[in-house]
Amino acid sequence: MNKPTAAGAAAAIALVLLVAGLFVPLPLFVIAPGSAVSVGERVTLGRDADELSGELLLTTVRIFRPNALGVVQAWTSQAYEVLTEAEVVPEGVDPAQFEEAQRELFRESSEVAAAVGLRRAGEEVEISGEGARVSQLFPGSPAAEVLRVDDVIISVDGRPVEVASELVAALGARGDGDEVELIVRRGSTTEQVSVVLGAVEGLDRPGLGVGVSTANLAVSLPFSVDVDQGRIGGPSAGLMIALTVYDLVDPGDLAAGRTIAGTGTIDLEGRVGPVGGVDAKVVAARAAGATVFLVPEYEAALAREVAGDDIEVVPVASLDDAVAALQEAA
């Protein structure tokens, strides 16, 4: 048997490394189009509901660890984004805790959305909170030196904050370098602090860099509304949950036989706030056969770039805007 040469051994090692690079996951994440989920199939009311004549879809993104080939494919594919691990899960934050915080945001936003949808349909609801409680401070974030865990943010630039989703919505349209004035309840005292928004690892827009939940959230509905969360996290399904609850209760026909997708947070006043991954969500909506895509008004331009002529992009600033637009086009 011939003894392999140094050049042959080097070539063999290079081949092994190449194969490993193609199949071994890298310390990166890819944000890709996820799924478009029928909200009507996940909402259960504690009373008889109207039958939906069409579909109202919430849209998601998919996050996965790629190999080298996956990274190349992501770089050359529409609506795919490659991020470092630190850009998805902030440094110093336990991934399991981060995921649970996102799931808690979904649960809370679902309660708020159900209440807002029922109120728009004429039902009596009561919902309240005592501010956005800081549950996590991301190391190196804009707020790390200003806020403390268990601080409760009760106002942003004079705009009251009762639930955590209102803080998310209030900051969503702000830009890098913007200064915000916060009123914070700290123990038995109240303080005013200033924070300059900046880049936050794990967030695709400038922010405070804190994890929040609602302090003493209380929701009273005339009947139960249960939303099957599945594996979904974050508050961006709020708009579509509110629309679905409204359509299930209101005698009118909002869906009108159409497949309508969308995304957006929603607060107690029914205001729609921006989210992340809009381009990937449009791709998911198109794959599901949607003909209409509802999007926060701040992000309509990006959605239109991806949608082309396949989907009508409808920018909305509130639940009322969304209902009016769908009724007008029905």
Protein backbone atom coordinates (compact mmCIF):
# COMPACT_ATOMS: atom_id res chain seq x y z
CA MET A 1 0.00 0.00 0.00
CA ASN A 2 1.37 3.42 -0.94
CA LYS A 3 2.03 5.79 1.92
CA PRO A 4 0.05 9.02 1.48
CA THR A 5 2.09 12.09 0.62
CA ALA A 6 2.01 15.27 2.70
CA ALA A 7 0.09 16.97 -0.10
CA GLY A 8 -2.42 14.14 -0.19
CA ALA A 9 -2.90 14.27 3.57
CA ALA A 10 -3.43 18.02 3.42
CA ALA A 11 -6.01 17.60 0.67
CA ALA A 12 -7.83 14.96 2.71
CA ILE A 13 -7.89 17.21 5.76
CA ALA A 14 -9.16 20.10 3.64
CA LEU A 15 -11.94 17.86 2.28
CA VAL A 16 -12.95 16.82 5.80
CA LEU A 17 -13.03 20.45 6.92
CA LEU A 18 -15.07 21.41 3.87
CA VAL A 19 -17.62 18.67 4.52
CA ALA A 20 -17.77 19.61 8.21
CA GLY A 21 -18.32 23.24 7.26
CA LEU A 22 -21.25 22.27 5.09
CA PHE A 23 -23.05 20.25 7.72
CA VAL A 24 -21.91 21.38 11.18
CA PRO A 25 -24.06 24.19 12.67
CA LEU A 26 -22.27 27.53 13.12
CA PRO A 27 -22.54 30.03 16.03
CA LEU A 28 -25.00 32.07 13.95
CA PHE A 29 -28.74 32.31 13.55
CA VAL A 30 -30.88 32.81 10.46
CA ILE A 31 -34.14 34.74 10.67
CA ALA A 32 -36.35 33.31 7.94
CA PRO A 33 -40.01 33.38 6.88
CA GLY A 34 -42.00 31.27 9.30
CA SER A 35 -45.64 30.31 9.06
CA ALA A 36 -48.99 32.03 8.66
CA VAL A 37 -51.30 30.68 11.35
CA SER A 38 -55.10 30.80 11.30
CA VAL A 39 -56.03 32.71 14.46
CA GLY A 40 -59.65 31.57 14.31
CA GLU A 41 -58.54 27.99 14.85
CA ARG A 42 -56.67 29.01 18.02
CA VAL A 43 -59.28 31.23 19.68
CA THR A 44 -62.01 29.72 21.85
CA LEU A 45 -64.79 31.89 23.27
CA GLY A 46 -66.83 31.13 26.36
CA ARG A 47 -70.03 31.77 24.35
CA ASP A 48 -71.36 31.07 20.88
CA ALA A 49 -69.24 32.67 18.18
CA ASP A 50 -70.01 33.78 14.65
CA GLU A 51 -68.49 31.58 11.98
CA LEU A 52 -65.63 33.19 10.10
CA SER A 53 -66.21 33.26 6.36
CA GLY A 54 -62.51 33.65 5.56
CA GLU A 55 -59.17 33.42 7.34
CA LEU A 56 -57.32 35.86 9.54
CA LEU A 57 -53.67 34.84 9.80
CA LEU A 58 -50.96 35.86 12.22
CA THR A 59 -47.48 35.62 10.74
CA THR A 60 -44.26 34.41 12.32
CA VAL A 61 -40.56 34.21 11.63
CA ARG A 62 -38.43 31.08 11.95
CA ILE A 63 -35.09 31.17 13.77
CA PHE A 64 -32.54 28.41 13.26
CA ARG A 65 -28.81 27.67 13.44
CA PRO A 66 -27.40 27.28 9.91
CA ASN A 67 -24.43 25.37 8.58
CA ALA A 68 -22.09 27.06 6.09
CA LEU A 69 -24.31 26.12 3.17
CA GLY A 70 -27.32 27.52 5.00
CA VAL A 71 -25.53 30.82 5.56
CA VAL A 72 -24.76 31.15 1.84
CA GLN A 73 -28.38 30.32 0.96
CA ALA A 74 -29.63 32.89 3.48
CA TRP A 75 -27.37 35.61 2.08
CA THR A 76 -28.76 35.04 -1.40
CA SER A 77 -32.43 34.64 -0.44
CA GLN A 78 -35.09 37.31 -0.10
CA ALA A 79 -36.25 38.14 3.43
CA TYR A 80 -33.58 36.02 5.15
CA GLU A 81 -31.24 37.62 7.68
CA VAL A 82 -28.04 36.23 9.23
CA LEU A 83 -27.32 37.28 12.82
CA THR A 84 -24.74 36.40 15.41
CA GLU A 85 -25.84 34.46 18.48
CA ALA A 86 -25.44 37.58 20.63
CA GLU A 87 -27.77 39.51 18.32
CA VAL A 88 -30.57 37.02 18.95
CA VAL A 89 -30.08 36.28 22.66
CA PRO A 90 -28.47 39.20 24.51
CA GLU A 91 -25.12 38.48 26.12
CA GLY A 92 -25.45 37.46 29.75
CA VAL A 93 -29.09 36.40 29.36
CA ASP A 94 -30.02 32.77 29.76
CA PRO A 95 -31.62 31.57 26.46
CA ALA A 96 -34.35 29.64 28.30
CA GLN A 97 -35.27 32.70 30.36
CA PHE A 98 -35.23 34.87 27.25
CA GLU A 99 -37.59 32.47 25.46
CA GLU A 100 -39.94 32.32 28.44
CA ALA A 101 -40.01 36.13 28.59
CA GLN A 102 -41.07 36.16 24.92
CA ARG A 103 -43.81 33.62 25.63
CA GLU A 104 -45.04 35.72 28.54
CA LEU A 105 -45.23 38.76 26.23
CA PHE A 106 -47.43 36.72 23.88
CA ARG A 107 -49.75 35.68 26.72
CA GLU A 108 -50.06 39.22 27.99
CA SER A 109 -50.58 40.74 24.55
CA SER A 110 -53.24 38.10 23.83
CA GLU A 111 -55.20 39.19 26.90
CA VAL A 112 -54.94 42.84 25.90
CA ALA A 113 -55.87 42.05 22.28
CA ALA A 114 -58.92 40.02 23.33
CA ALA A 115 -60.13 42.86 25.53
CA VAL A 116 -59.55 45.48 22.79
CA GLY A 117 -61.34 43.32 20.19
CA LEU A 118 -64.33 42.74 22.46
CA ARG A 119 -64.54 46.43 23.34
CA ARG A 120 -64.51 47.33 19.61
CA ALA A 121 -67.44 44.90 19.19
CA GLY A 122 -69.42 46.73 21.90
CA GLU A 123 -68.77 44.40 24.83
CA GLU A 124 -68.05 45.68 28.34
CA VAL A 125 -64.46 44.97 29.37
CA GLU A 126 -62.11 46.15 32.08
CA ILE A 127 -58.36 45.95 31.76
CA SER A 128 -55.67 47.62 33.80
CA GLY A 129 -52.08 47.43 34.89
CA GLU A 130 -49.75 49.47 37.02
CA GLY A 131 -46.90 49.92 34.57
CA ALA A 132 -44.10 47.96 32.87
CA ARG A 133 -41.99 46.18 35.47
CA VAL A 134 -38.31 45.73 34.58
CA SER A 135 -37.57 42.01 34.89
CA GLN A 136 -34.20 41.96 33.07
CA LEU A 137 -31.44 44.42 32.26
CA PHE A 138 -29.30 43.42 29.27
CA PRO A 139 -25.59 44.07 29.93
CA GLY A 140 -24.25 47.09 28.06
CA SER A 141 -27.72 48.26 27.04
CA PRO A 142 -28.77 51.95 27.06
CA ALA A 143 -30.79 51.51 30.28
CA ALA A 144 -28.31 49.31 32.17
CA GLU A 145 -26.82 52.22 34.12
CA VAL A 146 -30.11 54.04 34.68
CA LEU A 147 -32.79 51.48 35.52
CA ARG A 148 -32.87 48.66 38.05
CA VAL A 149 -34.63 45.31 38.14
CA ASP A 150 -38.12 45.74 39.68
CA ASP A 151 -38.36 49.39 38.59
CA VAL A 152 -41.84 50.07 37.18
CA ILE A 153 -42.03 52.38 34.15
CA ILE A 154 -45.30 54.30 34.32
CA SER A 155 -44.76 56.94 31.61
CA VAL A 156 -42.77 57.52 28.40
CA ASP A 157 -42.46 61.16 27.31
CA GLY A 158 -45.68 61.97 29.13
CA ARG A 159 -47.58 59.02 27.61
CA PRO A 160 -48.93 56.77 30.40
CA VAL A 161 -47.81 53.15 30.45
CA GLU A 162 -50.21 50.71 32.11
CA VAL A 163 -49.13 47.44 30.47
CA ALA A 164 -45.81 46.26 29.07
CA SER A 165 -47.03 46.17 25.48
CA GLU A 166 -47.68 49.92 25.67
CA LEU A 167 -44.01 50.50 26.45
CA VAL A 168 -43.04 48.35 23.45
CA ALA A 169 -45.44 50.30 21.21
CA ALA A 170 -44.29 53.71 22.52
CA LEU A 171 -40.65 52.95 21.75
CA GLY A 172 -41.28 51.17 18.44
CA ALA A 173 -41.23 54.26 16.24
CA ARG A 174 -38.23 55.90 17.92
CA GLY A 175 -34.82 56.03 16.29
CA ASP A 176 -31.21 55.46 17.30
CA GLY A 177 -30.01 58.33 19.47
CA ASP A 178 -33.49 59.52 20.46
CA GLU A 179 -33.76 60.54 24.11
CA VAL A 180 -36.82 59.45 26.07
CA GLU A 181 -38.04 60.67 29.43
CA LEU A 182 -39.30 57.93 31.71
CA ILE A 183 -41.27 58.21 34.93
CA VAL A 184 -40.22 55.28 37.08
CA ARG A 185 -41.72 53.98 40.31
CA ARG A 186 -38.86 52.67 42.44
CA GLY A 187 -40.04 51.21 45.72
CA SER A 188 -42.05 53.92 47.46
CA THR A 189 -40.64 56.78 45.39
CA THR A 190 -41.17 58.08 41.85
CA GLU A 191 -38.29 59.36 39.73
CA GLN A 192 -37.82 60.88 36.29
CA VAL A 193 -34.91 59.51 34.26
CA SER A 194 -33.61 60.06 30.74
CA VAL A 195 -32.36 57.30 28.46
CA VAL A 196 -30.81 57.67 24.99
CA LEU A 197 -32.01 54.78 22.82
CA GLY A 198 -29.39 52.73 21.07
CA ALA A 199 -28.53 49.36 19.61
CA VAL A 200 -29.60 46.38 21.68
CA GLU A 201 -28.31 42.89 20.95
CA GLY A 202 -31.25 40.66 20.11
CA LEU A 203 -33.44 43.56 18.93
CA ASP A 204 -33.62 44.74 15.33
CA ARG A 205 -34.35 48.36 16.26
CA PRO A 206 -33.05 50.80 18.90
CA GLY A 207 -34.43 50.25 22.38
CA LEU A 208 -33.88 50.44 26.13
CA GLY A 209 -32.42 46.96 26.50
CA VAL A 210 -34.73 45.69 29.23
CA GLY A 211 -37.08 42.77 29.68
CA VAL A 212 -40.48 43.85 30.99
CA SER A 213 -43.77 42.44 32.22
CA THR A 214 -46.93 44.17 33.39
CA ALA A 215 -47.15 45.05 37.06
CA ASN A 216 -50.43 43.71 38.48
CA LEU A 217 -52.17 43.06 35.16
CA ALA A 218 -55.94 42.65 35.62
CA VAL A 219 -58.32 41.74 32.80
CA SER A 220 -62.08 41.35 33.24
CA LEU A 221 -64.06 40.09 30.24
CA PRO A 222 -67.78 39.31 29.92
CA PHE A 223 -66.84 35.74 28.95
CA SER A 224 -63.62 33.79 28.59
CA VAL A 225 -61.34 34.11 25.57
CA ASP A 226 -58.64 31.45 25.29
CA VAL A 227 -55.82 31.67 22.75
CA ASP A 228 -53.77 28.56 21.99
CA GLN A 229 -50.21 29.88 22.03
CA GLY A 230 -48.46 26.86 20.59
CA ARG A 231 -44.76 27.73 20.27
CA ILE A 232 -45.30 31.42 19.45
CA GLY A 233 -43.63 34.18 21.46
CA GLY A 234 -43.55 37.96 21.47
CA PRO A 235 -46.31 40.59 21.20
CA SER A 236 -46.52 40.97 17.41
CA ALA A 237 -49.71 38.90 16.98
CA GLY A 238 -51.76 41.40 18.97
CA LEU A 239 -53.44 43.09 15.99
CA MET A 240 -54.55 39.84 14.34
CA ILE A 241 -55.85 38.38 17.62
CA ALA A 242 -57.87 41.54 18.28
CA LEU A 243 -59.33 41.44 14.75
CA THR A 244 -60.22 37.76 15.08
CA VAL A 245 -61.96 38.22 18.43
CA TYR A 246 -63.84 41.21 17.00
CA ASP A 247 -64.97 39.23 13.94
CA LEU A 248 -66.06 36.24 16.05
CA VAL A 249 -68.28 38.47 18.21
CA ASP A 250 -69.50 41.22 15.89
CA PRO A 251 -72.49 40.27 13.69
CA GLY A 252 -70.79 41.75 10.62
CA ASP A 253 -68.48 39.82 8.30
CA LEU A 254 -64.99 41.26 8.46
CA ALA A 255 -63.06 38.49 6.70
CA ALA A 256 -65.69 38.27 3.93
CA GLY A 257 -64.25 35.10 2.41
CA ARG A 258 -60.72 36.49 2.09
CA THR A 259 -57.39 35.25 3.40
CA ILE A 260 -56.03 38.21 5.37
CA ALA A 261 -52.64 38.14 7.06
CA GLY A 262 -50.89 40.71 9.18
CA THR A 263 -48.67 41.67 12.07
CA GLY A 264 -48.48 44.38 14.72
CA THR A 265 -48.56 44.93 18.46
CA ILE A 266 -51.63 46.47 20.05
CA ASP A 267 -52.06 48.50 23.22
CA LEU A 268 -55.00 49.25 25.52
CA GLU A 269 -56.17 52.10 23.30
CA GLY A 270 -56.12 49.91 20.20
CA ARG A 271 -53.01 51.56 18.75
CA VAL A 272 -50.91 49.36 16.47
CA GLY A 273 -47.15 49.33 17.04
CA PRO A 274 -44.21 48.20 14.86
CA VAL A 275 -42.63 44.75 14.99
CA GLY A 276 -39.60 42.96 13.58
CA GLY A 277 -39.20 40.70 10.56
CA VAL A 278 -41.92 42.32 8.43
CA ASP A 279 -40.25 41.29 5.16
CA ALA A 280 -40.06 37.63 6.24
CA LYS A 281 -43.67 37.74 7.42
CA VAL A 282 -44.88 39.01 4.04
CA VAL A 283 -43.17 36.02 2.41
CA ALA A 284 -44.95 33.68 4.86
CA ALA A 285 -48.28 35.37 4.13
CA ARG A 286 -47.79 35.05 0.37
CA ALA A 287 -46.99 31.33 0.73
CA ALA A 288 -50.25 30.88 2.65
CA GLY A 289 -52.28 32.45 -0.16
CA ALA A 290 -53.07 35.74 1.58
CA THR A 291 -54.32 38.57 -0.62
CA VAL A 292 -54.17 41.30 2.04
CA PHE A 293 -51.39 42.08 4.51
CA LEU A 294 -52.03 44.45 7.42
CA VAL A 295 -48.88 46.13 8.70
CA PRO A 296 -47.99 48.91 11.16
CA GLU A 297 -47.88 52.15 9.21
CA TYR A 298 -44.19 52.71 10.04
CA GLU A 299 -43.22 49.52 8.22
CA ALA A 300 -45.45 49.64 5.14
CA ALA A 301 -42.63 50.61 2.76
CA LEU A 302 -40.58 47.52 3.64
CA ALA A 303 -43.62 45.29 3.32
CA ARG A 304 -44.40 46.67 -0.14
CA GLU A 305 -40.85 46.02 -1.33
CA VAL A 306 -41.31 42.32 -0.66
CA ALA A 307 -45.00 41.99 -1.54
CA GLY A 308 -44.75 43.34 -5.08
CA ASP A 309 -48.06 42.90 -6.89
CA ASP A 310 -48.97 39.65 -5.13
CA ILE A 311 -50.45 41.06 -1.92
CA GLU A 312 -52.21 44.32 -1.10
CA VAL A 313 -50.31 45.95 1.77
CA VAL A 314 -52.58 47.95 4.07
CA PRO A 315 -50.83 50.23 6.62
CA VAL A 316 -52.77 50.75 9.86
CA ALA A 317 -52.21 52.83 12.98
CA SER A 318 -55.03 51.38 15.05
CA LEU A 319 -57.56 48.57 15.30
CA ASP A 320 -60.20 51.02 14.06
CA ASP A 321 -58.08 51.63 10.93
CA ALA A 322 -57.82 47.90 10.28
CA VAL A 323 -61.55 47.28 10.73
CA ALA A 324 -62.45 50.23 8.49
CA ALA A 325 -60.03 49.16 5.75
CA LEU A 326 -61.30 45.58 5.70
CA GLN A 327 -64.96 46.64 5.77
CA GLU A 328 -64.41 49.09 2.91
CA ALA A 329 -62.73 46.46 0.72
CA ALA A 330 -65.16 43.62 1.56
